N, C-alpha and C. Protein backbone atom coordinates (compact mmCIF):
# COMPACT_ATOMS: atom_id res chain seq x y z
N MET A 1 100.48 -72.16 -9.84
CA MET A 1 101.29 -70.76 -9.93
C MET A 1 102.21 -71.17 -8.72
N ASN A 2 103.27 -70.59 -8.86
CA ASN A 2 104.62 -70.29 -7.72
C ASN A 2 104.11 -69.08 -7.05
N ILE A 3 103.90 -69.15 -5.41
CA ILE A 3 103.54 -68.08 -4.44
C ILE A 3 104.45 -68.34 -3.36
N PHE A 4 105.30 -67.02 -3.14
CA PHE A 4 106.19 -67.31 -2.14
C PHE A 4 106.59 -65.85 -1.71
N CYS A 5 107.31 -65.39 -0.68
CA CYS A 5 107.90 -64.40 -0.25
C CYS A 5 109.54 -64.40 -0.42
N GLN A 6 109.97 -63.32 -0.99
CA GLN A 6 111.58 -63.40 -1.33
C GLN A 6 112.09 -62.07 -0.65
N VAL A 7 113.40 -62.25 -0.30
CA VAL A 7 114.14 -60.97 0.19
C VAL A 7 115.27 -60.72 -0.55
N LYS A 8 115.34 -59.28 -1.18
CA LYS A 8 116.60 -59.25 -2.02
C LYS A 8 117.28 -58.17 -1.26
N ALA A 9 118.41 -58.11 -1.95
CA ALA A 9 119.45 -57.04 -1.69
C ALA A 9 119.09 -55.62 -2.48
N MET A 10 118.63 -54.63 -2.06
CA MET A 10 118.42 -53.41 -2.75
C MET A 10 119.64 -52.98 -3.71
N THR A 11 120.72 -52.83 -3.09
CA THR A 11 121.81 -52.35 -3.91
C THR A 11 122.10 -53.01 -5.18
N SER A 12 122.04 -54.48 -5.02
CA SER A 12 122.53 -55.23 -6.22
C SER A 12 121.40 -55.95 -6.82
N GLY A 13 120.23 -56.06 -6.14
CA GLY A 13 118.90 -56.70 -6.69
C GLY A 13 119.01 -58.23 -6.61
N ASN A 14 120.18 -58.58 -5.91
CA ASN A 14 120.20 -60.28 -5.79
C ASN A 14 119.30 -60.55 -4.62
N VAL A 15 118.99 -61.95 -5.20
CA VAL A 15 117.91 -62.72 -4.16
C VAL A 15 118.92 -62.96 -2.97
N ILE A 16 118.24 -63.01 -1.88
CA ILE A 16 118.86 -63.21 -0.86
C ILE A 16 118.56 -64.73 -0.26
N ASP A 17 117.03 -64.89 -0.21
CA ASP A 17 116.32 -66.28 0.08
C ASP A 17 115.00 -66.09 -0.48
N ASP A 18 114.55 -67.56 -0.66
CA ASP A 18 112.86 -67.42 -1.01
C ASP A 18 112.35 -68.15 0.28
N PHE A 19 111.13 -67.80 0.61
CA PHE A 19 110.37 -68.29 1.94
C PHE A 19 109.20 -68.85 1.37
N ASP A 20 108.35 -69.84 1.99
CA ASP A 20 107.33 -70.44 1.51
C ASP A 20 105.89 -69.27 2.05
N ASN A 21 106.49 -68.35 3.08
CA ASN A 21 105.21 -67.65 3.42
C ASN A 21 106.05 -66.36 4.17
N ARG A 22 105.20 -65.44 4.53
CA ARG A 22 105.60 -64.16 5.00
C ARG A 22 106.31 -64.60 6.63
N ILE A 23 105.46 -65.22 7.45
CA ILE A 23 106.13 -65.47 8.62
C ILE A 23 107.37 -65.99 8.69
N GLU A 24 107.68 -67.06 7.90
CA GLU A 24 109.17 -67.40 7.85
C GLU A 24 110.12 -66.62 7.34
N ALA A 25 109.69 -65.78 6.57
CA ALA A 25 110.60 -64.63 5.95
C ALA A 25 110.81 -63.69 7.16
N LEU A 26 109.75 -63.35 7.90
CA LEU A 26 109.77 -62.17 9.03
C LEU A 26 110.80 -62.72 9.94
N ALA A 27 110.45 -64.20 10.26
CA ALA A 27 111.47 -64.87 11.40
C ALA A 27 112.87 -64.80 11.21
N THR A 28 113.29 -64.97 9.79
CA THR A 28 114.76 -64.87 9.18
C THR A 28 115.21 -63.61 9.45
N LEU A 29 114.37 -62.52 9.10
CA LEU A 29 114.68 -61.41 8.98
C LEU A 29 114.94 -60.78 10.62
N ASN A 30 114.24 -61.27 11.41
CA ASN A 30 114.32 -61.11 13.05
C ASN A 30 115.59 -61.51 13.38
N THR A 31 115.89 -62.82 12.75
CA THR A 31 117.42 -63.42 13.30
C THR A 31 118.58 -62.62 12.73
N ILE A 32 118.17 -62.19 11.74
CA ILE A 32 119.26 -61.28 10.96
C ILE A 32 119.52 -59.95 11.71
N ALA A 33 118.40 -59.27 12.37
CA ALA A 33 118.52 -58.13 13.07
C ALA A 33 118.96 -58.44 14.38
N LYS A 34 118.78 -59.69 14.96
CA LYS A 34 119.51 -59.90 16.38
C LYS A 34 120.88 -60.22 16.09
N GLU A 35 121.58 -60.92 14.91
CA GLU A 35 122.65 -61.32 14.90
C GLU A 35 123.69 -60.17 14.26
N HIS A 36 123.18 -59.26 13.48
CA HIS A 36 123.92 -58.50 12.72
C HIS A 36 123.31 -56.83 12.92
N GLY A 37 122.58 -56.51 13.61
CA GLY A 37 122.10 -55.40 13.87
C GLY A 37 120.65 -54.91 12.68
N GLN A 38 119.99 -54.18 13.42
CA GLN A 38 118.86 -53.81 12.75
C GLN A 38 119.12 -53.00 11.33
N GLU A 39 120.27 -52.26 11.36
CA GLU A 39 120.68 -51.49 10.26
C GLU A 39 120.78 -52.43 9.02
N GLU A 40 121.05 -53.74 9.37
CA GLU A 40 121.45 -54.69 8.30
C GLU A 40 120.24 -54.70 7.24
N LEU A 41 119.04 -54.62 7.89
CA LEU A 41 117.89 -54.85 7.35
C LEU A 41 117.55 -53.75 6.30
N ARG A 42 118.38 -52.48 6.50
CA ARG A 42 117.96 -51.24 5.66
C ARG A 42 118.16 -51.46 4.32
N THR A 43 119.31 -52.35 4.30
CA THR A 43 119.47 -52.59 2.69
C THR A 43 118.87 -53.85 1.78
N LEU A 44 117.66 -54.39 2.60
CA LEU A 44 116.95 -55.23 2.13
C LEU A 44 115.38 -54.92 1.86
N SER A 45 114.79 -55.74 0.90
CA SER A 45 113.58 -55.67 0.70
C SER A 45 112.72 -56.95 0.71
N LEU A 46 111.21 -57.11 1.14
CA LEU A 46 110.87 -58.34 1.21
C LEU A 46 109.43 -58.00 0.12
N LEU A 47 109.26 -59.17 -0.70
CA LEU A 47 108.63 -59.07 -1.72
C LEU A 47 107.70 -60.23 -1.74
N HIS A 48 106.20 -60.02 -2.24
CA HIS A 48 105.21 -60.96 -2.21
C HIS A 48 105.51 -61.56 -3.80
N VAL A 49 105.83 -62.72 -4.01
CA VAL A 49 105.95 -63.10 -5.50
C VAL A 49 104.73 -63.99 -5.89
N ASP A 50 104.19 -63.71 -6.72
CA ASP A 50 102.89 -64.72 -7.63
C ASP A 50 103.35 -64.72 -8.96
N GLY A 51 103.95 -65.93 -9.19
CA GLY A 51 104.12 -66.07 -10.67
C GLY A 51 105.08 -65.00 -11.30
N ASP A 52 104.76 -64.46 -11.85
CA ASP A 52 105.48 -63.21 -12.57
C ASP A 52 105.37 -61.94 -12.21
N LYS A 53 104.55 -61.87 -11.18
CA LYS A 53 104.18 -60.64 -10.39
C LYS A 53 104.89 -60.53 -9.00
N GLN A 54 105.29 -59.20 -8.84
CA GLN A 54 106.15 -59.19 -7.28
C GLN A 54 105.49 -57.73 -6.99
N THR A 55 105.17 -57.96 -5.51
CA THR A 55 104.60 -56.70 -4.95
C THR A 55 105.54 -56.39 -3.57
N LEU A 56 105.67 -55.37 -3.70
CA LEU A 56 106.60 -55.08 -2.41
C LEU A 56 105.88 -54.91 -1.29
N ILE A 57 106.42 -55.71 -0.14
CA ILE A 57 105.82 -55.53 1.16
C ILE A 57 106.40 -54.62 2.06
N ALA A 58 107.63 -54.76 2.03
CA ALA A 58 108.21 -53.64 2.83
C ALA A 58 110.02 -53.60 2.41
N MET A 59 110.33 -52.20 2.60
CA MET A 59 112.04 -52.13 2.23
C MET A 59 112.59 -50.94 3.49
N ALA A 60 113.81 -51.14 3.55
CA ALA A 60 114.80 -50.15 4.08
C ALA A 60 113.90 -50.07 5.66
N SER A 61 113.63 -48.69 5.87
CA SER A 61 113.30 -48.48 7.41
C SER A 61 111.93 -49.11 7.78
N GLU A 62 110.76 -49.12 6.45
CA GLU A 62 109.71 -49.85 6.41
C GLU A 62 109.82 -51.16 7.06
N LEU A 63 110.91 -51.99 6.80
CA LEU A 63 111.20 -53.28 6.87
C LEU A 63 111.44 -53.38 8.31
N ILE A 64 112.48 -52.57 8.68
CA ILE A 64 112.83 -52.66 10.32
C ILE A 64 111.46 -52.68 10.89
N THR A 65 110.85 -51.70 10.58
CA THR A 65 109.59 -51.47 11.52
C THR A 65 108.60 -52.77 11.49
N LEU A 66 108.47 -53.08 10.26
CA LEU A 66 107.73 -54.38 10.09
C LEU A 66 108.11 -55.56 10.98
N VAL A 67 109.50 -55.88 10.86
CA VAL A 67 110.19 -56.78 11.60
C VAL A 67 109.92 -56.79 12.95
N LYS A 68 110.44 -55.40 13.71
CA LYS A 68 109.97 -55.28 15.13
C LYS A 68 108.70 -55.62 15.50
N HIS A 69 107.75 -55.18 14.79
CA HIS A 69 106.20 -55.43 14.91
C HIS A 69 105.87 -56.79 15.03
N GLU A 70 106.32 -57.60 14.10
CA GLU A 70 106.03 -59.03 13.83
C GLU A 70 106.89 -59.62 15.26
N ALA A 71 107.93 -59.32 15.50
CA ALA A 71 108.65 -59.81 16.65
C ALA A 71 107.81 -59.55 17.83
N ILE A 72 107.39 -58.36 18.01
CA ILE A 72 106.45 -58.13 19.25
C ILE A 72 105.31 -59.26 19.38
N GLU A 73 104.73 -59.11 18.11
CA GLU A 73 103.26 -59.85 18.05
C GLU A 73 103.51 -61.17 18.49
N LEU A 74 104.67 -61.85 17.72
CA LEU A 74 105.04 -63.40 18.01
C LEU A 74 105.46 -63.60 19.64
N ALA A 75 106.17 -62.65 20.11
CA ALA A 75 106.50 -62.95 21.55
C ALA A 75 105.28 -62.71 22.24
N THR A 76 104.15 -61.91 22.01
CA THR A 76 103.29 -61.67 22.85
C THR A 76 101.91 -62.87 22.80
N ALA A 77 102.19 -63.70 21.50
CA ALA A 77 101.28 -64.63 21.24
C ALA A 77 102.25 -65.89 21.88
N ASN A 78 103.33 -65.98 22.04
CA ASN A 78 103.74 -67.13 22.78
C ASN A 78 103.82 -67.11 24.39
N ALA A 79 103.71 -65.71 24.64
CA ALA A 79 103.56 -65.61 26.26
C ALA A 79 102.31 -65.91 26.60
N THR A 80 101.23 -65.48 25.63
CA THR A 80 99.73 -65.88 25.96
C THR A 80 99.58 -67.16 25.77
N SER A 81 100.07 -67.98 24.74
CA SER A 81 99.65 -69.52 24.74
C SER A 81 100.48 -70.43 25.79
N THR A 82 101.38 -69.93 26.61
CA THR A 82 101.83 -70.60 27.63
C THR A 82 101.43 -70.29 28.90
N THR A 83 100.76 -69.27 28.99
CA THR A 83 100.36 -68.89 30.29
C THR A 83 99.25 -69.74 30.86
N PRO A 84 99.23 -70.38 31.89
CA PRO A 84 98.25 -71.36 32.30
C PRO A 84 96.74 -70.69 32.33
């Protein structure tokens, strides 16, 4: 069975991209937020896809909050792992 994460445009329903896992998807969404502003995320949704079943992870303002939270956790983890 094919399991992955998917980012979709909410207005059109078009698939923006597929990712092997949630971490990759959130890293890409964080890059989009940095390059184009967080408001760009408001029009997107993040889904977990397992075969024919799609489960919403987050969309709109919830997606912005999730991306911010994951970016903070990643930065904290990186800072901790590089501290002697």
